[in-house]
C-alpha atoms as a PDB file:
ATOM      1  CA  MET A   1      72.355  52.781-166.909  1.00  0.00           C
ATOM      2  CA  SER A   2      71.881  53.229-172.110  1.00  0.00           C
ATOM      3  CA  PRO A   3      71.755  52.568-171.241  1.00  0.00           C
ATOM      4  CA  VAL A   4      70.072  51.905-169.448  1.00  0.00           C
ATOM      5  CA  SER A   5      73.348  50.921-170.817  1.00  0.00           C
ATOM      6  CA  TRP A   6      72.613  48.562-172.232  1.00  0.00           C
ATOM      7  CA  HIS A   7      74.640  49.164-172.188  1.00  0.00           C
ATOM      8  CA  CYS A   8      69.832  51.907-170.881  1.00  0.00           C
ATOM      9  CA  CYS A   9      70.060  52.862-172.495  1.00  0.00           C
ATOM     10  CA  VAL A  10      69.023  55.897-178.635  1.00  0.00           C
ATOM     11  CA  SER A  11      71.227  53.193-177.410  1.00  0.00           C
ATOM     12  CA  SER A  12      71.239  51.194-175.508  1.00  0.00           C
ATOM     13  CA  LEU A  13      70.782  49.699-172.011  1.00  0.00           C
ATOM     14  CA  PRO A  14      72.217  46.403-173.547  1.00  0.00           C
ATOM     15  CA  THR A  15      72.206  51.733-173.432  1.00  0.00           C
ATOM     16  CA  CYS A  16      70.945  51.138-172.274  1.00  0.00           C
ATOM     17  CA  GLY A  17      69.319  52.521-173.428  1.00  0.00           C
ATOM     18  CA  PRO A  18      69.087  51.801-171.840  1.00  0.00           C
ATOM     19  CA  SER A  19      68.433  51.716-171.455  1.00  0.00           C
ATOM     20  CA  ASN A  20      67.423  54.960-172.708  1.00  0.00           C
ATOM     21  CA  CYS A  21      67.126  56.835-169.737  1.00  0.00           C
ATOM     22  CA  GLU A  22      69.212  59.828-168.834  1.00  0.00           C
ATOM     23  CA  ARG A  23      70.293  60.034-165.160  1.00  0.00           C
ATOM     24  CA  ARG A  24      73.097  61.283-163.343  1.00  0.00           C
ATOM     25  CA  LEU A  25      75.119  59.431-161.044  1.00  0.00           C
ATOM     26  CA  HIS A  26      77.630  61.468-158.869  1.00  0.00           C
ATOM     27  CA  LEU A  27      80.303  59.093-157.571  1.00  0.00           C
ATOM     28  CA  ARG A  28      81.830  60.890-154.838  1.00  0.00           C
ATOM     29  CA  ARG A  29      85.127  61.087-152.800  1.00  0.00           C
ATOM     30  CA  GLY A  30      87.372  60.942-155.701  1.00  0.00           C
ATOM     31  CA  ARG A  31      85.414  58.829-158.007  1.00  0.00           C
ATOM     32  CA  VAL A  32      84.121  59.694-161.357  1.00  0.00           C
ATOM     33  CA  ARG A  33      80.524  60.206-162.099  1.00  0.00           C
ATOM     34  CA  ARG A  34      78.652  58.452-164.872  1.00  0.00           C
ATOM     35  CA  ARG A  35      75.897  59.971-166.873  1.00  0.00           C
ATOM     36  CA  THR A  36      73.489  57.998-168.794  1.00  0.00           C
ATOM     37  CA  GLY A  37      72.385  59.236-172.135  1.00  0.00           C
ATOM     38  CA  ALA A  38      70.078  58.059-174.803  1.00  0.00           C
ATOM     39  CA  PHE A  39      72.791  57.936-177.455  1.00  0.00           C
ATOM     40  CA  SER A  40      74.960  55.440-175.619  1.00  0.00           C
ATOM     41  CA  SER A  41      74.597  51.822-176.794  1.00  0.00           C
ATOM     42  CA  MET A  42      74.242  50.230-173.380  1.00  0.00           C
ATOM     43  CA  PRO A  43      72.620  50.517-169.908  1.00  0.00           C
ATOM     44  CA  ALA A  44      75.788  51.223-168.196  1.00  0.00           C
ATOM     45  CA  ARG A  45      76.227  54.748-169.484  1.00  0.00           C
ATOM     46  CA  PRO A  46      79.357  56.847-170.353  1.00  0.00           C
ATOM     47  CA  LEU A  47      81.564  58.140-167.784  1.00  0.00           C
ATOM     48  CA  GLU A  48      81.388  61.988-167.501  1.00  0.00           C
ATOM     49  CA  GLY A  49      82.807  64.975-165.363  1.00  0.00           C
ATOM     50  CA  GLN A  50      85.030  65.558-162.615  1.00  0.00           C
ATOM     51  CA  PRO A  51      85.027  63.843-159.300  1.00  0.00           C
ATOM     52  CA  GLU A  52      83.282  65.450-156.351  1.00  0.00           C
ATOM     53  CA  VAL A  53      84.307  65.290-152.790  1.00  0.00           C
ATOM     54  CA  ALA A  54      81.719  64.409-149.974  1.00  0.00           C
ATOM     55  CA  LEU A  55      82.711  63.427-146.465  1.00  0.00           C
ATOM     56  CA  ALA A  56      79.333  62.789-144.782  1.00  0.00           C
ATOM     57  CA  ARG A  57      77.441  59.528-143.915  1.00  0.00           C
ATOM     58  CA  ALA A  58      73.695  59.502-144.237  1.00  0.00           C
ATOM     59  CA  PRO A  59      70.821  57.055-144.349  1.00  0.00           C
ATOM     60  CA  TRP A  60      70.239  55.683-147.971  1.00  0.00           C
ATOM     61  CA  ARG A  61      67.941  57.780-150.084  1.00  0.00           C
ATOM     62  CA  VAL A  62      67.120  58.129-153.614  1.00  0.00           C
ATOM     63  CA  ILE A  63      69.301  60.544-155.568  1.00  0.00           C
ATOM     64  CA  PRO A  64      67.281  62.532-158.025  1.00  0.00           C
ATOM     65  CA  GLY A  65      68.875  62.139-161.583  1.00  0.00           C
ATOM     66  CA  ARG A  66      68.131  63.278-165.067  1.00  0.00           C
ATOM     67  CA  THR A  67      66.688  60.489-167.249  1.00  0.00           C
ATOM     68  CA  ARG A  68      67.179  60.145-170.969  1.00  0.00           C
ATOM     69  CA  LEU A  69      66.943  57.193-173.445  1.00  0.00           C
ATOM     70  CA  ASP A  70      69.977  55.228-174.135  1.00  0.00           C
ATOM     71  CA  GLY A  71      69.347  55.375-174.100  1.00  0.00           C
ATOM     72  CA  PRO A  72      70.732  54.295-173.220  1.00  0.00           C
ATOM     73  CA  GLY A  73      68.094  52.843-173.348  1.00  0.00           C
ATOM     74  CA  LEU A  74      65.529  49.357-171.600  1.00  0.00           C
ATOM     75  CA  HIS A  75      62.874  46.613-172.231  1.00  0.00           C
ATOM     76  CA  GLY A  76      59.660  45.289-170.416  1.00  0.00           C
ATOM     77  CA  ALA A  77      59.758  45.384-166.589  1.00  0.00           C
ATOM     78  CA  ALA A  78      60.511  43.207-163.690  1.00  0.00           C
ATOM     79  CA  ALA A  79      59.232  44.096-160.194  1.00  0.00           C
ATOM     80  CA  LEU A  80      62.141  44.910-157.721  1.00  0.00           C
ATOM     81  CA  CYS A  81      62.001  44.917-154.093  1.00  0.00           C
ATOM     82  CA  LEU A  82      64.983  46.357-152.045  1.00  0.00           C
ATOM     83  CA  LEU A  83      65.558  46.620-148.196  1.00  0.00           C
ATOM     84  CA  PHE A  84      68.278  48.964-146.808  1.00  0.00           C
ATOM     85  CA  VAL A  85      69.070  50.109-143.396  1.00  0.00           C
ATOM     86  CA  SER A  86      71.850  52.614-143.475  1.00  0.00           C
ATOM     87  CA  VAL A  87      74.616  52.800-146.159  1.00  0.00           C
ATOM     88  CA  ASP A  88      77.227  55.258-146.944  1.00  0.00           C
ATOM     89  CA  VAL A  89      76.027  58.155-149.021  1.00  0.00           C
ATOM     90  CA  PHE A  90      78.979  57.526-151.415  1.00  0.00           C
ATOM     91  CA  ALA A  91      77.059  54.180-152.560  1.00  0.00           C
ATOM     92  CA  GLN A  92      73.999  55.240-154.601  1.00  0.00           C
ATOM     93  CA  PHE A  93      71.161  53.440-156.033  1.00  0.00           C
ATOM     94  CA  SER A  94      69.249  54.975-159.070  1.00  0.00           C
ATOM     95  CA  GLY A  95      66.976  53.885-161.827  1.00  0.00           C
ATOM     96  CA  SER A  96      64.835  55.194-164.715  1.00  0.00           C
ATOM     97  CA  ALA A  97      61.722  54.388-166.720  1.00  0.00           C
ATOM     98  CA  SER A  98      61.297  55.437-170.363  1.00  0.00           C
ATOM     99  CA  LEU A  99      58.847  55.393-173.206  1.00  0.00           C
ATOM    100  CA  LEU A 100      60.419  55.416-176.635  1.00  0.00           C
ATOM    101  CA  SER A 101      58.695  56.055-180.110  1.00  0.00           C
ATOM    102  CA  ASP A 102      61.330  53.490-181.469  1.00  0.00           C
ATOM    103  CA  TYR A 103      63.835  51.313-179.672  1.00  0.00           C
ATOM    104  CA  ARG A 104      67.091  51.810-181.657  1.00  0.00           C
ATOM    105  CA  PHE A 105      70.157  49.722-180.734  1.00  0.00           C
ATOM    106  CA  ARG A 106      73.044  50.850-182.578  1.00  0.00           C
ATOM    107  CA  GLY A 107      71.150  52.092-185.199  1.00  0.00           C
ATOM    108  CA  VAL A 108      68.837  49.105-185.723  1.00  0.00           C
ATOM    109  CA  SER A 109      65.130  49.204-184.671  1.00  0.00           C
ATOM    110  CA  LEU A 110      64.561  46.163-182.237  1.00  0.00           C
ATOM    111  CA  SER A 111      60.900  47.311-181.914  1.00  0.00           C
ATOM    112  CA  HIS A 112      60.178  47.110-185.591  1.00  0.00           C
ATOM    113  CA  ASN A 113      59.941  50.711-185.801  1.00  0.00           C
ATOM    114  CA  ARG A 114      57.148  50.822-183.090  1.00  0.00           C
ATOM    115  CA  PRO A 115      57.184  52.208-179.341  1.00  0.00           C
ATOM    116  CA  ALA A 116      58.899  50.535-176.717  1.00  0.00           C
ATOM    117  CA  ALA A 117      58.942  50.635-172.831  1.00  0.00           C
ATOM    118  CA  GLN A 118      62.134  50.325-170.826  1.00  0.00           C
ATOM    119  CA  LEU A 119      63.275  50.115-167.151  1.00  0.00           C
ATOM    120  CA  ALA A 120      66.907  50.447-165.743  1.00  0.00           C
ATOM    121  CA  VAL A 121      68.328  50.043-162.207  1.00  0.00           C
ATOM    122  CA  ALA A 122      71.859  50.762-161.187  1.00  0.00           C
ATOM    123  CA  TYR A 123      74.159  50.831-158.102  1.00  0.00           C
ATOM    124  CA  ASP A 124      77.282  52.645-157.827  1.00  0.00           C
ATOM    125  CA  ASP A 125      79.862  51.951-154.989  1.00  0.00           C
ATOM    126  CA  ALA A 126      82.281  54.363-153.441  1.00  0.00           C
ATOM    127  CA  SER A 127      85.094  52.016-154.417  1.00  0.00           C
ATOM    128  CA  GLY A 128      84.414  52.469-158.126  1.00  0.00           C
ATOM    129  CA  TRP A 129      82.486  49.393-158.878  1.00  0.00           C
ATOM    130  CA  TYR A 130      78.995  49.513-160.440  1.00  0.00           C
ATOM    131  CA  GLY A 131      76.339  47.204-161.620  1.00  0.00           C
ATOM    132  CA  GLY A 132      72.683  47.185-162.793  1.00  0.00           C
ATOM    133  CA  ALA A 133      70.115  45.675-165.037  1.00  0.00           C
ATOM    134  CA  PHE A 134      67.943  46.902-167.914  1.00  0.00           C
ATOM    135  CA  ALA A 135      64.873  45.677-169.498  1.00  0.00           C
ATOM    136  CA  SER A 136      62.882  46.555-172.681  1.00  0.00           C
ATOM    137  CA  THR A 137      60.158  45.397-174.827  1.00  0.00           C
ATOM    138  CA  VAL A 138      61.202  44.344-178.307  1.00  0.00           C
ATOM    139  CA  GLN A 139      59.615  42.925-181.557  1.00  0.00           C
ATOM    140  CA  LEU A 140      62.326  41.076-183.491  1.00  0.00           C
ATOM    141  CA  PHE A 141      59.914  39.003-185.783  1.00  0.00           C
ATOM    142  CA  TYR A 142      56.684  40.838-186.365  1.00  0.00           C
ATOM    143  CA  PRO A 143      53.935  40.291-184.952  1.00  0.00           C
ATOM    144  CA  SER A 144      55.584  38.615-182.045  1.00  0.00           C
ATOM    145  CA  ARG A 145      56.576  40.515-179.136  1.00  0.00           C
ATOM    146  CA  GLU A 146      59.435  39.770-176.586  1.00  0.00           C
ATOM    147  CA  LEU A 147      61.433  41.189-173.722  1.00  0.00           C
ATOM    148  CA  GLN A 148      65.010  41.890-173.418  1.00  0.00           C
ATOM    149  CA  ALA A 149      66.906  41.892-170.197  1.00  0.00           C
ATOM    150  CA  VAL A 150      70.596  43.078-169.957  1.00  0.00           C
ATOM    151  CA  SER A 151      72.670  42.869-166.595  1.00  0.00           C
ATOM    152  CA  PHE A 152      75.916  44.641-166.334  1.00  0.00           C
ATOM    153  CA  ILE A 153      78.837  45.069-164.005  1.00  0.00           C
ATOM    154  CA  GLY A 154      82.004  47.159-164.249  1.00  0.00           C
ATOM    155  CA  TYR A 155      84.788  49.321-162.566  1.00  0.00           C
ATOM    156  CA  ALA A 156      85.470  52.999-163.160  1.00  0.00           C
ATOM    157  CA  SER A 157      88.235  55.266-161.909  1.00  0.00           C
ATOM    158  CA  ARG A 158      89.713  58.549-162.707  1.00  0.00           C
ATOM    159  CA  GLY A 159      93.307  58.993-163.629  1.00  0.00           C
ATOM    160  CA  PRO A 160      95.821  61.798-162.816  1.00  0.00           C
ATOM    161  CA  SER A 161      95.201  63.282-166.188  1.00  0.00           C
ATOM    162  CA  GLY A 162      91.522  63.853-165.266  1.00  0.00           C
ATOM    163  CA  LEU A 163      90.330  61.276-167.798  1.00  0.00           C
ATOM    164  CA  SER A 164      88.094  58.532-166.434  1.00  0.00           C
ATOM    165  CA  TRP A 165      88.547  54.963-167.436  1.00  0.00           C
ATOM    166  CA  GLU A 166      86.172  51.889-167.040  1.00  0.00           C
ATOM    167  CA  ALA A 167      85.953  48.332-167.833  1.00  0.00           C
ATOM    168  CA  GLY A 168      83.004  46.033-167.524  1.00  0.00           C
ATOM    169  CA  ALA A 169      80.826  43.258-169.030  1.00  0.00           C
ATOM    170  CA  ASP A 170      77.147  42.631-169.656  1.00  0.00           C
ATOM    171  CA  TYR A 171      74.971  39.757-170.593  1.00  0.00           C
ATOM    172  CA  SER A 172      71.650  40.155-172.714  1.00  0.00           C
ATOM    173  CA  VAL A 173      68.977  37.785-172.880  1.00  0.00           C
ATOM    174  CA  VAL A 174      65.801  37.740-175.173  1.00  0.00           C
ATOM    175  CA  THR A 175      62.669  35.770-174.433  1.00  0.00           C
ATOM    176  CA  GLY A 176      61.437  33.479-177.231  1.00  0.00           C
ATOM    177  CA  ALA A 177      61.791  30.223-178.865  1.00  0.00           C
ATOM    178  CA  ARG A 178      65.229  30.785-180.070  1.00  0.00           C
ATOM    179  CA  SER A 179      68.158  31.974-177.887  1.00  0.00           C
ATOM    180  CA  TYR A 180      69.603  35.305-178.800  1.00  0.00           C
ATOM    181  CA  SER A 181      71.429  35.377-175.573  1.00  0.00           C
ATOM    182  CA  TYR A 182      75.017  36.744-175.511  1.00  0.00           C
ATOM    183  CA  PRO A 183      77.927  38.005-173.141  1.00  0.00           C
ATOM    184  CA  GLU A 184      79.708  41.125-173.992  1.00  0.00           C
ATOM    185  CA  ALA A 185      82.944  42.974-172.569  1.00  0.00           C
ATOM    186  CA  TYR A 186      83.851  46.524-172.925  1.00  0.00           C
ATOM    187  CA  VAL A 187      86.415  49.196-172.157  1.00  0.00           C
ATOM    188  CA  GLY A 188      85.963  52.921-172.144  1.00  0.00           C
ATOM    189  CA  VAL A 189      87.416  56.368-171.536  1.00  0.00           C
ATOM    190  CA  ALA A 190      85.743  59.718-170.994  1.00  0.00           C
ATOM    191  CA  SER A 191      86.299  63.526-170.446  1.00  0.00           C
ATOM    192  CA  GLU A 192      83.827  65.800-169.144  1.00  0.00           C
ATOM    193  CA  LYS A 193      81.757  66.155-172.518  1.00  0.00           C
ATOM    194  CA  VAL A 194      83.080  63.046-174.504  1.00  0.00           C
ATOM    195  CA  SER A 195      83.378  59.264-173.969  1.00  0.00           C
ATOM    196  CA  ALA A 196      84.303  56.372-176.182  1.00  0.00           C
ATOM    197  CA  ARG A 197      83.785  52.664-175.751  1.00  0.00           C
ATOM    198  CA  LEU A 198      84.984  49.611-177.360  1.00  0.00           C
ATOM    199  CA  TYR A 199      82.965  46.162-177.037  1.00  0.00           C
ATOM    200  CA  TYR A 200      83.485  42.560-177.932  1.00  0.00           C
ATOM    201  CA  ALA A 201      80.974  39.987-178.133  1.00  0.00           C
ATOM    202  CA  PRO A 202      81.756  36.309-179.062  1.00  0.00           C
ATOM    203  CA  ARG A 203      78.271  35.265-180.208  1.00  0.00           C
ATOM    204  CA  TYR A 204      76.459  38.348-181.045  1.00  0.00           C
ATOM    205  CA  PHE A 205      72.618  37.906-180.441  1.00  0.00           C
ATOM    206  CA  GLY A 206      73.252  34.275-180.491  1.00  0.00           C
ATOM    207  CA  GLN A 207      74.864  34.225-184.151  1.00  0.00           C
ATOM    208  CA  ASP A 208      77.759  32.099-184.967  1.00  0.00           C
ATOM    209  CA  SER A 209      80.058  35.301-185.265  1.00  0.00           C
ATOM    210  CA  ASP A 210      81.917  37.587-183.055  1.00  0.00           C
ATOM    211  CA  VAL A 211      81.477  41.268-183.285  1.00  0.00           C
ATOM    212  CA  ILE A 212      83.583  44.227-182.238  1.00  0.00           C
ATOM    213  CA  TYR A 213      81.768  47.627-181.873  1.00  0.00           C
ATOM    214  CA  GLY A 214      83.285  51.000-181.154  1.00  0.00           C
ATOM    215  CA  GLU A 215      81.306  54.213-180.250  1.00  0.00           C
ATOM    216  CA  ILE A 216      81.865  57.847-179.399  1.00  0.00           C
ATOM    217  CA  ASN A 217      79.320  59.966-177.486  1.00  0.00           C
ATOM    218  CA  ALA A 218      79.332  63.653-177.026  1.00  0.00           C
ATOM    219  CA  SER A 219      77.102  66.008-174.938  1.00  0.00           C
ATOM    220  CA  GLN A 220      77.184  69.951-175.057  1.00  0.00           C
ATOM    221  CA  GLN A 221      75.201  72.146-172.822  1.00  0.00           C
ATOM    222  CA  LEU A 222      73.288  74.714-174.909  1.00  0.00           C
ATOM    223  CA  LEU A 223      70.949  76.322-172.301  1.00  0.00           C
ATOM    224  CA  ASP A 224      70.287  75.660-168.483  1.00  0.00           C
ATOM    225  CA  ARG A 225      68.245  72.699-169.214  1.00  0.00           C
ATOM    226  CA  VAL A 226      68.935  72.037-172.894  1.00  0.00           C
ATOM    227  CA  ARG A 227      71.828  69.696-174.267  1.00  0.00           C
ATOM    228  CA  LEU A 228      72.831  68.753-177.711  1.00  0.00           C
ATOM    229  CA  LEU A 229      73.820  64.998-178.033  1.00  0.00           C
ATOM    230  CA  ALA A 230      75.653  63.242-180.570  1.00  0.00           C
ATOM    231  CA  HIS A 231      76.706  59.704-181.154  1.00  0.00           C
ATOM    232  CA  GLY A 232      78.731  57.774-183.832  1.00  0.00           C
ATOM    233  CA  GLY A 233      79.343  54.091-183.848  1.00  0.00           C
ATOM    234  CA  ALA A 234      81.079  51.142-186.140  1.00  0.00           C
ATOM    235  CA  LEU A 235      80.342  47.621-186.089  1.00  0.00           C
ATOM    236  CA  ARG A 236      82.459  44.858-187.429  1.00  0.00           C
ATOM    237  CA  ASN A 237      81.284  41.317-187.744  1.00  0.00           C
ATOM    238  CA  ASN A 238      83.642  38.284-188.661  1.00  0.00           C
ATOM    239  CA  SER A 239      80.661  36.148-189.957  1.00  0.00           C
ATOM    240  CA  ASN A 240      81.789  33.537-192.340  1.00  0.00           C
ATOM    241  CA  ASP A 241      78.494  31.704-192.995  1.00  0.00           C
ATOM    242  CA  ALA A 242      78.918  29.904-196.382  1.00  0.00           C
ATOM    243  CA  TYR A 243      75.344  29.044-196.798  1.00  0.00           C
ATOM    244  CA  GLY A 244      73.088  31.977-195.596  1.00  0.00           C
ATOM    245  CA  PRO A 245      73.095  35.425-197.118  1.00  0.00           C
ATOM    246  CA  ARG A 246      76.067  37.310-195.441  1.00  0.00           C
ATOM    247  CA  PRO A 247      75.345  40.450-193.562  1.00  0.00           C
ATOM    248  CA  ASP A 248      77.525  43.522-194.285  1.00  0.00           C
ATOM    249  CA  ARG A 249      80.882  43.158-192.558  1.00  0.00           C
ATOM    250  CA  HIS A 250      80.988  46.826-191.650  1.00  0.00           C
ATOM    251  CA  VAL A 251      77.993  48.615-190.470  1.00  0.00           C
ATOM    252  CA  PHE A 252      78.107  52.470-189.373  1.00  0.00           C
ATOM    253  CA  ASP A 253      75.529  54.138-187.174  1.00  0.00           C
ATOM    254  CA  ALA A 254      74.971  57.639-186.110  1.00  0.00           C
ATOM    255  CA  SER A 255      72.607  60.105-184.287  1.00  0.00           C
ATOM    256  CA  VAL A 256      72.128  63.672-183.216  1.00  0.00           C
ATOM    257  CA  GLY A 257      69.508  64.965-180.836  1.00  0.00           C
ATOM    258  CA  VAL A 258      68.621  67.515-178.232  1.00  0.00           C
ATOM    259  CA  SER A 259      67.547  66.699-174.577  1.00  0.00           C
ATOM    260  CA  LEU A 260      65.377  68.859-172.375  1.00  0.00           C
ATOM    261  CA  ASP A 261      66.061  68.071-168.811  1.00  0.00           C
ATOM    262  CA  PHE A 262      64.148  68.548-165.688  1.00  0.00           C
ATOM    263  CA  ASP A 263      64.748  67.518-162.143  1.00  0.00           C
ATOM    264  CA  GLN A 264      63.484  63.996-162.549  1.00  0.00           C
ATOM    265  CA  PHE A 265      62.046  64.149-166.270  1.00  0.00           C
ATOM    266  CA  SER A 266      63.686  64.544-169.408  1.00  0.00           C
ATOM    267  CA  VAL A 267      62.424  64.752-173.071  1.00  0.00           C
ATOM    268  CA  GLN A 268      64.812  63.782-175.842  1.00  0.00           C
ATOM    269  CA  LEU A 269      64.447  63.891-179.695  1.00  0.00           C
ATOM    270  CA  ASN A 270      67.021  62.245-181.782  1.00  0.00           C
ATOM    271  CA  TRP A 271      67.568  61.653-185.356  1.00  0.00           C
ATOM    272  CA  VAL A 272      69.191  58.211-185.889  1.00  0.00           C
ATOM    273  CA  GLY A 273      70.650  56.726-188.940  1.00  0.00           C
ATOM    274  CA  ILE A 274      72.460  53.544-190.150  1.00  0.00           C
ATOM    275  CA  THR A 275      74.507  52.731-193.279  1.00  0.00           C
ATOM    276  CA  SER A 276      72.765  49.303-194.040  1.00  0.00           C
ATOM    277  CA  THR A 277      69.997  47.171-192.850  1.00  0.00           C
ATOM    278  CA  ASN A 278      71.807  43.953-193.947  1.00  0.00           C
ATOM    279  CA  THR A 279      73.141  43.173-190.406  1.00  0.00           C
ATOM    280  CA  LEU A 280      73.552  40.305-187.951  1.00  0.00           C
ATOM    281  CA  TYR A 281      70.477  41.311-185.866  1.00  0.00           C
ATOM    282  CA  PRO A 282      67.693  38.792-185.658  1.00  0.00           C
ATOM    283  CA  VAL A 283      65.035  41.149-186.894  1.00  0.00           C
ATOM    284  CA  THR A 284      62.627  41.270-189.885  1.00  0.00           C
ATOM    285  CA  ARG A 285      63.361  44.032-192.405  1.00  0.00           C
ATOM    286  CA  THR A 286      61.965  47.308-190.893  1.00  0.00           C
ATOM    287  CA  ARG A 287      60.201  50.107-192.630  1.00  0.00           C
ATOM    288  CA  SER A 288      63.096  52.705-192.464  1.00  0.00           C
ATOM    289  CA  LYS A 289      66.660  52.341-191.520  1.00  0.00           C
ATOM    290  CA  ASN A 290      66.838  56.227-190.577  1.00  0.00           C
ATOM    291  CA  GLY A 291      64.345  58.107-188.531  1.00  0.00           C
ATOM    292  CA  ALA A 292      63.386  60.149-185.591  1.00  0.00           C
ATOM    293  CA  VAL A 293      63.230  58.712-182.175  1.00  0.00           C
ATOM    294  CA  LEU A 294      61.338  60.598-179.139  1.00  0.00           C
ATOM    295  CA  ILE A 295      62.025  59.645-175.668  1.00  0.00           C
ATOM    296  CA  LEU A 296      60.232  60.385-172.414  1.00  0.00           C
ATOM    297  CA  SER A 297      61.974  59.423-169.260  1.00  0.00           C
ATOM    298  CA  ARG A 298      61.748  59.556-165.548  1.00  0.00           C
ATOM    299  CA  SER A 299      64.530  58.932-163.066  1.00  0.00           C
ATOM    300  CA  PHE A 300      64.111  57.723-159.624  1.00  0.00           C
END
């Protein structure tokens, strides 16, 4: 959930990521499966793959997945306690915990180019509904430290053409004196290896401006446990502040990386770049707008 995700998970989470955790959710009985990747910009990860059929019921159990960033992608951690009796195997709970050398959200470092910790949890129902939460440590104004939490909900389905589609919404909250909370809605489509999402936020990070963000994410299997990852995104803000310095109206970000996946662990190395640091994000100017990001994740 790059998020994880944000919207997990280098995302989200919020990719979140990721939500910056790379996990695979197999949504069965004609449902699509969603795979979280560090390159997505939110915890609710991009859709991926073909549906799988499974007609058995079984007691609830943790489904092993593959963790990644963005993902995405997630910040800080909150204790979670869940009690389950017996549910359909088609409904799945999953999660991931990640350590990142830098938390890059849509190309911008929300951790002041410093390490961050992220946690993501997600639920996928057989009907196509999914939801979850993502949390990550952030450092918007040095030297203060904050926590970002993102909740998300959405619906995913696979059409007769084989393409998957989804629609959902998330809400991001950042602790601290000022309010940087904002809602966001998104729609997306995906094939087996490529996914795309379009987001709209009316008050981006609490700013007096609405924002549209579009992204394309791709994954290519190189070896049995090795994948090549790529991401491209474009943000347009409609800020008309006549008094303060105006951020660039269009900002582009991109990343390319490689992921080494094990049963419940993944190691991901990405190179992330952005065209400008003059953005709407409430962060102090960071040391570098481009750089490498290392992500260690464990799924559960």
